[in-house]
């Protein structure tokens, strides 16, 4: 008896979300850095891996499933993973390290002021975005949204590639 692909997609999304959130949250929480984009890129790769596992799992469990089913279950995994990462980022910014965003904002403003010729337009733009820069909810949705966007693109590409290979009469090797 074959299992349903829904629990497989959700489990893949949960694992991807937990590991992505760990990569995003643990370094700043421990104070070991994590301010750069490297942690974000690693989290995106982990989320893409979760989406790939979900799509491959659906292809294994239900080989007769079509484009919509494969894309839907991969999108579900992407949504679950990004939602978990979003909640964890909000926890980081709002509860565990509430001054982290303000510190990052102050460092960015100081970096702009310390230049050889301080750019007044860049400083004005930074001051105009201060509310967004230090808002925990905005930053959490922004980080989770980036994960979701990249994962949905990857899910769509994988499902489309599978469909094209199938139409050409080839054995699809990817979801």
N, C-alpha and C. Protein backbone atom coordinates (compact mmCIF):
# COMPACT_ATOMS: atom_id res chain seq x y z
N UNK A 1 0.84 -1.18 0.00
CA UNK A 1 0.00 0.00 0.00
C UNK A 1 0.89 1.25 0.00
N UNK A 2 0.59 2.18 -0.90
CA UNK A 2 1.39 3.39 -0.99
C UNK A 2 0.86 4.44 -0.03
N UNK A 3 1.78 5.21 0.52
CA UNK A 3 1.37 6.27 1.43
C UNK A 3 0.97 7.51 0.63
N UNK A 4 0.25 8.38 1.27
CA UNK A 4 -0.20 9.61 0.63
C UNK A 4 0.95 10.61 0.53
N UNK A 5 0.99 11.41 -0.52
CA UNK A 5 2.08 12.37 -0.67
C UNK A 5 1.93 13.60 0.24
N UNK A 6 0.74 13.86 0.76
CA UNK A 6 0.54 15.04 1.59
C UNK A 6 1.41 15.02 2.86
N UNK A 7 1.39 13.93 3.65
CA UNK A 7 2.28 13.91 4.82
C UNK A 7 3.76 13.98 4.44
N UNK A 8 4.11 13.42 3.31
CA UNK A 8 5.49 13.47 2.85
C UNK A 8 5.92 14.90 2.54
N UNK A 9 5.05 15.65 1.86
CA UNK A 9 5.36 17.04 1.54
C UNK A 9 5.43 17.89 2.80
N UNK A 10 4.52 17.66 3.73
CA UNK A 10 4.52 18.43 4.97
C UNK A 10 5.77 18.10 5.80
N UNK A 11 6.10 16.82 5.90
CA UNK A 11 7.29 16.43 6.67
C UNK A 11 8.56 17.01 6.04
N UNK A 12 8.64 17.00 4.72
CA UNK A 12 9.79 17.59 4.05
C UNK A 12 9.86 19.09 4.32
N UNK A 13 8.71 19.76 4.28
CA UNK A 13 8.69 21.18 4.57
C UNK A 13 9.07 21.49 6.01
N UNK A 14 8.59 20.67 6.94
CA UNK A 14 8.92 20.89 8.35
C UNK A 14 10.42 20.71 8.57
N UNK A 15 10.99 19.65 8.03
CA UNK A 15 12.44 19.45 8.20
C UNK A 15 13.24 20.58 7.55
N UNK A 16 12.84 20.95 6.34
CA UNK A 16 13.53 22.06 5.67
C UNK A 16 13.39 23.35 6.45
N UNK A 17 12.19 23.61 7.00
CA UNK A 17 11.98 24.82 7.77
C UNK A 17 12.77 24.85 9.05
N UNK A 18 12.84 23.72 9.73
CA UNK A 18 13.59 23.67 10.99
C UNK A 18 15.08 23.91 10.73
N UNK A 19 15.62 23.25 9.72
CA UNK A 19 17.04 23.42 9.44
C UNK A 19 17.35 24.81 8.88
N UNK A 20 16.46 25.34 8.03
CA UNK A 20 16.65 26.71 7.52
C UNK A 20 16.59 27.72 8.65
N UNK A 21 15.62 27.54 9.53
CA UNK A 21 15.50 28.45 10.67
C UNK A 21 16.71 28.36 11.58
N UNK A 22 17.22 27.15 11.75
CA UNK A 22 18.41 26.99 12.60
C UNK A 22 19.59 27.74 12.00
N UNK A 23 19.76 27.66 10.69
CA UNK A 23 20.87 28.36 10.04
C UNK A 23 20.69 29.87 10.14
N UNK A 24 19.45 30.34 10.06
CA UNK A 24 19.19 31.77 10.12
C UNK A 24 19.24 32.34 11.53
N UNK A 25 18.80 31.56 12.51
CA UNK A 25 18.59 32.08 13.87
C UNK A 25 19.74 31.80 14.81
N UNK A 26 20.35 30.64 14.74
CA UNK A 26 21.35 30.27 15.74
C UNK A 26 22.59 31.16 15.73
N UNK A 27 23.21 31.47 14.58
CA UNK A 27 24.41 32.33 14.65
C UNK A 27 24.16 33.70 15.27
N UNK A 28 23.09 34.44 14.89
CA UNK A 28 22.87 35.72 15.58
C UNK A 28 22.47 35.54 17.04
N UNK A 29 21.79 34.44 17.35
CA UNK A 29 21.37 34.20 18.72
C UNK A 29 22.58 33.96 19.63
N UNK A 30 23.57 33.26 19.10
CA UNK A 30 24.78 32.99 19.87
C UNK A 30 25.78 34.14 19.81
N UNK A 31 25.52 35.10 18.93
CA UNK A 31 26.43 36.23 18.80
C UNK A 31 27.68 35.89 18.03
N UNK A 32 27.61 34.88 17.17
CA UNK A 32 28.79 34.46 16.40
C UNK A 32 28.78 35.00 14.98
N UNK A 33 28.06 36.05 14.75
CA UNK A 33 27.98 36.61 13.40
C UNK A 33 26.61 36.34 12.83
N UNK A 34 26.58 35.87 11.62
CA UNK A 34 25.31 35.61 10.97
C UNK A 34 24.66 36.87 10.42
N UNK A 35 25.43 37.99 10.41
CA UNK A 35 24.87 39.23 9.91
C UNK A 35 24.96 39.33 8.40
N UNK A 36 25.80 38.54 7.80
CA UNK A 36 25.98 38.60 6.36
C UNK A 36 24.93 37.79 5.63
N UNK A 37 25.13 37.65 4.35
CA UNK A 37 24.17 36.94 3.52
C UNK A 37 24.44 35.44 3.44
N UNK A 38 25.59 35.00 3.94
CA UNK A 38 25.94 33.59 3.81
C UNK A 38 24.91 32.69 4.48
N UNK A 39 24.49 33.04 5.69
CA UNK A 39 23.48 32.23 6.39
C UNK A 39 22.17 32.21 5.61
N UNK A 40 21.83 33.33 5.01
CA UNK A 40 20.60 33.38 4.22
C UNK A 40 20.70 32.50 2.98
N UNK A 41 21.85 32.51 2.33
CA UNK A 41 22.03 31.66 1.15
C UNK A 41 22.00 30.18 1.52
N UNK A 42 22.59 29.83 2.63
CA UNK A 42 22.55 28.44 3.09
C UNK A 42 21.12 28.03 3.41
N UNK A 43 20.36 28.92 4.03
CA UNK A 43 18.96 28.62 4.34
C UNK A 43 18.14 28.44 3.07
N UNK A 44 18.43 29.24 2.04
CA UNK A 44 17.73 29.08 0.76
C UNK A 44 18.06 27.73 0.16
N UNK A 45 19.32 27.33 0.21
CA UNK A 45 19.70 26.02 -0.34
C UNK A 45 19.03 24.88 0.43
N UNK A 46 18.92 25.01 1.73
CA UNK A 46 18.25 23.98 2.52
C UNK A 46 16.78 23.90 2.15
N UNK A 47 16.14 25.05 1.97
CA UNK A 47 14.73 25.07 1.57
C UNK A 47 14.56 24.47 0.18
N UNK A 48 15.47 24.77 -0.73
CA UNK A 48 15.40 24.18 -2.07
C UNK A 48 15.55 22.66 -2.00
N UNK A 49 16.41 22.20 -1.13
CA UNK A 49 16.58 20.76 -0.95
C UNK A 49 15.30 20.13 -0.42
N UNK A 50 14.63 20.79 0.52
CA UNK A 50 13.36 20.28 1.05
C UNK A 50 12.30 20.20 -0.03
N UNK A 51 12.25 21.21 -0.89
CA UNK A 51 11.28 21.21 -1.99
C UNK A 51 11.61 20.08 -2.97
N UNK A 52 12.88 19.89 -3.26
CA UNK A 52 13.28 18.81 -4.16
C UNK A 52 12.92 17.44 -3.59
N UNK A 53 13.17 17.26 -2.29
CA UNK A 53 12.83 15.99 -1.64
C UNK A 53 11.33 15.76 -1.69
N UNK A 54 10.54 16.81 -1.47
CA UNK A 54 9.08 16.67 -1.52
C UNK A 54 8.62 16.28 -2.92
N UNK A 55 9.17 16.93 -3.93
CA UNK A 55 8.78 16.62 -5.31
C UNK A 55 9.21 15.21 -5.70
N UNK A 56 10.41 14.82 -5.30
CA UNK A 56 10.87 13.45 -5.61
C UNK A 56 10.04 12.42 -4.86
N UNK A 57 9.66 12.75 -3.63
CA UNK A 57 8.82 11.84 -2.86
C UNK A 57 7.47 11.64 -3.50
N UNK A 58 6.88 12.71 -3.99
CA UNK A 58 5.59 12.60 -4.69
C UNK A 58 5.76 11.77 -5.95
N UNK A 59 6.86 11.98 -6.65
CA UNK A 59 7.10 11.19 -7.87
C UNK A 59 7.30 9.72 -7.55
N UNK A 60 7.87 9.41 -6.41
CA UNK A 60 8.08 8.02 -6.02
C UNK A 60 6.79 7.37 -5.54
N UNK A 61 6.06 8.11 -4.71
CA UNK A 61 4.83 7.56 -4.12
C UNK A 61 3.72 7.46 -5.17
N UNK A 62 3.59 8.49 -5.99
CA UNK A 62 2.56 8.51 -7.02
C UNK A 62 3.19 8.84 -8.37
N UNK A 63 3.73 7.85 -9.06
CA UNK A 63 4.40 8.15 -10.33
C UNK A 63 3.44 8.65 -11.40
N UNK A 64 2.16 8.38 -11.25
CA UNK A 64 1.19 8.82 -12.26
C UNK A 64 0.74 10.26 -12.05
N UNK A 65 1.20 10.89 -10.97
CA UNK A 65 0.77 12.27 -10.69
C UNK A 65 1.28 13.21 -11.77
N UNK A 66 0.49 14.20 -12.07
CA UNK A 66 0.80 15.14 -13.13
C UNK A 66 1.51 16.39 -12.64
N UNK A 67 1.58 17.34 -13.55
CA UNK A 67 2.27 18.60 -13.30
C UNK A 67 1.69 19.32 -12.09
N UNK A 68 0.38 19.43 -12.03
CA UNK A 68 -0.27 20.17 -10.94
C UNK A 68 -0.01 19.56 -9.58
N UNK A 69 -0.08 18.24 -9.50
CA UNK A 69 0.14 17.58 -8.22
C UNK A 69 1.58 17.75 -7.76
N UNK A 70 2.51 17.57 -8.66
CA UNK A 70 3.92 17.72 -8.30
C UNK A 70 4.22 19.16 -7.87
N UNK A 71 3.70 20.09 -8.62
CA UNK A 71 3.93 21.49 -8.28
C UNK A 71 3.23 21.85 -6.96
N UNK A 72 2.04 21.34 -6.77
CA UNK A 72 1.28 21.63 -5.55
C UNK A 72 1.96 21.11 -4.29
N UNK A 73 2.42 19.88 -4.33
CA UNK A 73 3.07 19.33 -3.14
C UNK A 73 4.44 19.96 -2.88
N UNK A 74 5.15 20.30 -3.94
CA UNK A 74 6.42 21.00 -3.76
C UNK A 74 6.17 22.41 -3.20
N UNK A 75 5.12 23.06 -3.69
CA UNK A 75 4.77 24.39 -3.17
C UNK A 75 4.34 24.31 -1.71
N UNK A 76 3.64 23.24 -1.34
CA UNK A 76 3.25 23.06 0.06
C UNK A 76 4.48 22.92 0.95
N UNK A 77 5.45 22.16 0.50
CA UNK A 77 6.69 22.02 1.27
C UNK A 77 7.40 23.37 1.39
N UNK A 78 7.41 24.14 0.31
CA UNK A 78 8.04 25.47 0.34
C UNK A 78 7.31 26.38 1.32
N UNK A 79 6.00 26.33 1.32
CA UNK A 79 5.21 27.18 2.20
C UNK A 79 5.43 26.82 3.67
N UNK A 80 5.45 25.54 3.97
CA UNK A 80 5.67 25.10 5.35
C UNK A 80 7.07 25.49 5.82
N UNK A 81 8.06 25.26 4.98
CA UNK A 81 9.44 25.59 5.35
C UNK A 81 9.62 27.09 5.58
N UNK A 82 9.07 27.89 4.70
CA UNK A 82 9.25 29.34 4.86
C UNK A 82 8.44 29.87 6.04
N UNK A 83 7.28 29.28 6.33
CA UNK A 83 6.50 29.72 7.48
C UNK A 83 7.22 29.44 8.79
N UNK A 84 7.85 28.28 8.88
CA UNK A 84 8.61 27.95 10.10
C UNK A 84 9.79 28.91 10.25
N UNK A 85 10.49 29.17 9.16
CA UNK A 85 11.62 30.10 9.21
C UNK A 85 11.14 31.50 9.59
N UNK A 86 9.97 31.89 9.08
CA UNK A 86 9.44 33.22 9.38
C UNK A 86 9.12 33.36 10.87
N UNK A 87 8.49 32.35 11.44
CA UNK A 87 8.16 32.39 12.86
C UNK A 87 9.42 32.43 13.71
N UNK A 88 10.41 31.66 13.35
CA UNK A 88 11.66 31.65 14.11
C UNK A 88 12.40 32.98 13.99
N UNK A 89 12.38 33.59 12.79
CA UNK A 89 13.00 34.89 12.63
C UNK A 89 12.28 35.94 13.48
N UNK A 90 10.97 35.87 13.53
CA UNK A 90 10.24 36.80 14.37
C UNK A 90 10.60 36.61 15.84
N UNK A 91 10.73 35.36 16.25
CA UNK A 91 11.16 35.09 17.62
C UNK A 91 12.52 35.66 17.91
N UNK A 92 13.42 35.54 16.95
CA UNK A 92 14.77 36.09 17.12
C UNK A 92 14.72 37.60 17.28
N UNK A 93 14.04 38.26 16.34
CA UNK A 93 14.05 39.72 16.32
C UNK A 93 13.19 40.35 17.41
N UNK A 94 12.10 39.70 17.80
CA UNK A 94 11.18 40.33 18.75
C UNK A 94 11.41 39.90 20.20
N UNK A 95 11.89 38.68 20.41
CA UNK A 95 11.94 38.17 21.78
C UNK A 95 13.34 37.82 22.26
N UNK A 96 14.10 37.08 21.45
CA UNK A 96 15.38 36.58 21.93
C UNK A 96 16.49 37.63 21.85
N UNK A 97 16.54 38.39 20.76
CA UNK A 97 17.54 39.45 20.59
C UNK A 97 16.85 40.71 20.07
N UNK A 98 16.05 41.38 20.90
CA UNK A 98 15.27 42.51 20.42
C UNK A 98 16.10 43.71 19.96
N UNK A 99 17.33 43.84 20.41
CA UNK A 99 18.17 44.97 20.00
C UNK A 99 19.01 44.67 18.76
N UNK A 100 18.90 43.47 18.22
CA UNK A 100 19.73 43.08 17.08
C UNK A 100 19.47 43.96 15.86
N UNK A 101 18.22 44.23 15.54
CA UNK A 101 17.92 45.04 14.36
C UNK A 101 18.37 46.49 14.55
N UNK A 102 18.19 47.01 15.76
CA UNK A 102 18.64 48.39 16.02
C UNK A 102 20.16 48.48 15.92
N UNK A 103 20.86 47.46 16.39
CA UNK A 103 22.31 47.44 16.29
C UNK A 103 22.75 47.38 14.84
N UNK A 104 22.09 46.54 14.04
CA UNK A 104 22.43 46.45 12.62
C UNK A 104 22.16 47.78 11.91
N UNK A 105 21.06 48.44 12.27
CA UNK A 105 20.74 49.74 11.67
C UNK A 105 21.81 50.76 12.03
N UNK A 106 22.22 50.80 13.29
CA UNK A 106 23.25 51.75 13.72
C UNK A 106 24.58 51.48 13.02
N UNK A 107 24.93 50.23 12.85
CA UNK A 107 26.18 49.89 12.14
C UNK A 107 26.12 50.32 10.68
N UNK A 108 24.97 50.12 10.04
CA UNK A 108 24.83 50.53 8.64
C UNK A 108 24.90 52.05 8.51
N UNK A 109 24.25 52.77 9.42
CA UNK A 109 24.31 54.24 9.39
C UNK A 109 25.74 54.73 9.63
N UNK A 110 26.44 54.10 10.56
CA UNK A 110 27.83 54.49 10.84
C UNK A 110 28.73 54.19 9.64
N UNK A 111 28.48 53.08 8.98
CA UNK A 111 29.27 52.74 7.79
C UNK A 111 29.07 53.79 6.70
N UNK A 112 27.83 54.26 6.52
CA UNK A 112 27.57 55.28 5.51
C UNK A 112 28.20 56.62 5.90
N UNK A 113 28.17 56.96 7.18
CA UNK A 113 28.74 58.23 7.64
C UNK A 113 30.28 58.21 7.60
N UNK A 114 30.88 57.05 7.78
CA UNK A 114 32.34 56.96 7.87
C UNK A 114 33.02 56.95 6.52
N UNK A 115 32.27 56.95 5.45
CA UNK A 115 32.88 56.95 4.12
C UNK A 115 33.69 58.22 3.89
N UNK A 116 34.54 58.19 2.86
CA UNK A 116 35.35 59.36 2.54
C UNK A 116 34.48 60.56 2.23
N UNK A 117 33.43 60.34 1.48
CA UNK A 117 32.47 61.40 1.17
C UNK A 117 31.09 60.85 1.51
N UNK A 118 30.58 61.13 2.71
CA UNK A 118 29.29 60.58 3.10
C UNK A 118 28.20 60.95 2.09
N UNK A 119 27.48 59.95 1.65
CA UNK A 119 26.44 60.14 0.66
C UNK A 119 25.15 60.57 1.37
N UNK A 120 24.78 61.81 1.19
CA UNK A 120 23.59 62.35 1.87
C UNK A 120 22.33 61.64 1.40
N UNK A 121 22.28 61.29 0.14
CA UNK A 121 21.08 60.61 -0.38
C UNK A 121 20.94 59.22 0.22
N UNK A 122 22.04 58.49 0.37
CA UNK A 122 21.99 57.16 0.98
C UNK A 122 21.61 57.26 2.46
N UNK A 123 22.14 58.26 3.15
CA UNK A 123 21.76 58.45 4.55
C UNK A 123 20.29 58.82 4.70
N UNK A 124 19.79 59.64 3.80
CA UNK A 124 18.37 60.01 3.85
C UNK A 124 17.50 58.80 3.54
N UNK A 125 17.92 57.99 2.60
CA UNK A 125 17.16 56.77 2.28
C UNK A 125 17.14 55.79 3.44
N UNK A 126 18.27 55.67 4.10
CA UNK A 126 18.35 54.79 5.27
C UNK A 126 17.46 55.31 6.40
N UNK A 127 17.47 56.62 6.61
CA UNK A 127 16.62 57.21 7.66
C UNK A 127 15.14 57.04 7.33
N UNK A 128 14.80 57.10 6.05
CA UNK A 128 13.40 56.92 5.64
C UNK A 128 12.94 55.48 5.84
N UNK A 129 13.88 54.54 5.75
CA UNK A 129 13.53 53.11 5.91
C UNK A 129 13.77 52.60 7.33
N UNK A 130 14.04 53.48 8.25
CA UNK A 130 14.37 53.04 9.61
C UNK A 130 13.25 52.23 10.23
N UNK A 131 12.01 52.63 10.02
CA UNK A 131 10.88 51.90 10.62
C UNK A 131 10.83 50.46 10.10
N UNK A 132 11.08 50.28 8.81
CA UNK A 132 11.10 48.93 8.25
C UNK A 132 12.33 48.16 8.72
N UNK A 133 13.44 48.85 8.82
CA UNK A 133 14.71 48.21 9.16
C UNK A 133 14.69 47.63 10.56
N UNK A 134 14.01 48.28 11.48
CA UNK A 134 14.02 47.83 12.87
C UNK A 134 12.74 47.12 13.29
N UNK A 135 11.79 46.94 12.38
CA UNK A 135 10.53 46.26 12.71
C UNK A 135 10.73 44.75 12.59
N UNK A 136 10.50 44.03 13.68
CA UNK A 136 10.72 42.59 13.71
C UNK A 136 9.78 41.86 12.76
N UNK A 137 8.53 42.26 12.72
CA UNK A 137 7.56 41.60 11.83
C UNK A 137 7.92 41.79 10.37
N UNK A 138 8.30 42.99 10.00
CA UNK A 138 8.67 43.26 8.62
C UNK A 138 9.89 42.44 8.21
N UNK A 139 10.89 42.40 9.06
CA UNK A 139 12.10 41.65 8.73
C UNK A 139 11.85 40.15 8.67
N UNK A 140 10.98 39.64 9.55
CA UNK A 140 10.66 38.21 9.53
C UNK A 140 9.90 37.84 8.26
N UNK A 141 8.92 38.65 7.88
CA UNK A 141 8.16 38.38 6.66
C UNK A 141 9.06 38.51 5.44
N UNK A 142 9.96 39.48 5.47
CA UNK A 142 10.89 39.66 4.36
C UNK A 142 11.80 38.45 4.19
N UNK A 143 12.36 37.96 5.30
CA UNK A 143 13.24 36.79 5.22
C UNK A 143 12.50 35.53 4.80
N UNK A 144 11.34 35.29 5.39
CA UNK A 144 10.54 34.13 5.00
C UNK A 144 10.03 34.23 3.58
N UNK A 145 9.70 35.44 3.16
CA UNK A 145 9.22 35.64 1.79
C UNK A 145 10.29 35.35 0.75
N UNK A 146 11.54 35.72 1.06
CA UNK A 146 12.64 35.38 0.14
C UNK A 146 12.81 33.87 0.01
N UNK A 147 12.71 33.17 1.13
CA UNK A 147 12.80 31.71 1.08
C UNK A 147 11.66 31.13 0.23
N UNK A 148 10.44 31.63 0.47
CA UNK A 148 9.28 31.13 -0.26
C UNK A 148 9.41 31.41 -1.75
N UNK A 149 9.82 32.61 -2.10
CA UNK A 149 9.95 32.97 -3.51
C UNK A 149 10.94 32.06 -4.23
N UNK A 150 12.11 31.88 -3.66
CA UNK A 150 13.13 31.02 -4.30
C UNK A 150 12.66 29.58 -4.39
N UNK A 151 12.01 29.09 -3.34
CA UNK A 151 11.55 27.71 -3.34
C UNK A 151 10.42 27.50 -4.34
N UNK A 152 9.52 28.47 -4.48
CA UNK A 152 8.45 28.33 -5.48
C UNK A 152 8.99 28.35 -6.90
N UNK A 153 9.99 29.19 -7.15
CA UNK A 153 10.62 29.18 -8.47
C UNK A 153 11.25 27.82 -8.77
N UNK A 154 11.93 27.27 -7.78
CA UNK A 154 12.57 25.97 -7.95
C UNK A 154 11.52 24.87 -8.15
N UNK A 155 10.43 24.93 -7.40
CA UNK A 155 9.37 23.93 -7.54
C UNK A 155 8.74 24.01 -8.92
N UNK A 156 8.48 25.22 -9.38
CA UNK A 156 7.91 25.38 -10.72
C UNK A 156 8.84 24.88 -11.80
N UNK A 157 10.13 25.17 -11.67
CA UNK A 157 11.10 24.71 -12.64
C UNK A 157 11.18 23.18 -12.67
N UNK A 158 11.19 22.57 -11.49
CA UNK A 158 11.27 21.12 -11.43
C UNK A 158 10.05 20.45 -12.04
N UNK A 159 8.86 20.96 -11.74
CA UNK A 159 7.64 20.38 -12.29
C UNK A 159 7.57 20.61 -13.80
N UNK A 160 7.98 21.79 -14.26
CA UNK A 160 7.96 22.07 -15.69
C UNK A 160 8.97 21.19 -16.43
N UNK A 161 10.14 21.02 -15.86
CA UNK A 161 11.15 20.18 -16.50
C UNK A 161 10.67 18.74 -16.61
N UNK A 162 10.01 18.26 -15.56
CA UNK A 162 9.46 16.90 -15.59
C UNK A 162 8.42 16.79 -16.70
N UNK A 163 7.56 17.81 -16.82
CA UNK A 163 6.51 17.77 -17.83
C UNK A 163 7.08 17.80 -19.25
N UNK A 164 8.08 18.62 -19.50
CA UNK A 164 8.70 18.70 -20.82
C UNK A 164 9.38 17.38 -21.16
N UNK A 165 10.08 16.79 -20.22
CA UNK A 165 10.74 15.51 -20.47
C UNK A 165 9.71 14.43 -20.79
N UNK A 166 8.61 14.47 -20.10
CA UNK A 166 7.56 13.47 -20.35
C UNK A 166 6.93 13.67 -21.72
N UNK A 167 6.72 14.92 -22.13
CA UNK A 167 6.14 15.19 -23.45
C UNK A 167 7.08 14.80 -24.58
N UNK A 168 8.37 14.90 -24.33
CA UNK A 168 9.34 14.52 -25.35
C UNK A 168 9.57 13.03 -25.41
N UNK A 169 8.90 12.30 -24.54
CA UNK A 169 9.04 10.85 -24.54
C UNK A 169 10.22 10.33 -23.77
N UNK A 170 10.87 11.19 -23.02
CA UNK A 170 12.02 10.77 -22.23
C UNK A 170 11.56 10.40 -20.83
N UNK A 171 12.37 9.64 -20.19
CA UNK A 171 12.09 9.30 -18.78
C UNK A 171 12.52 10.48 -17.93
N UNK A 172 11.58 11.11 -17.22
CA UNK A 172 11.97 12.25 -16.39
C UNK A 172 12.90 11.82 -15.27
N UNK A 173 14.01 12.52 -15.15
CA UNK A 173 14.98 12.16 -14.11
C UNK A 173 14.88 13.09 -12.91
N UNK A 174 14.19 14.20 -13.05
CA UNK A 174 13.99 15.11 -11.93
C UNK A 174 12.49 15.29 -11.74
N UNK A 175 12.10 15.79 -10.59
CA UNK A 175 10.68 15.93 -10.32
C UNK A 175 9.97 16.85 -11.29
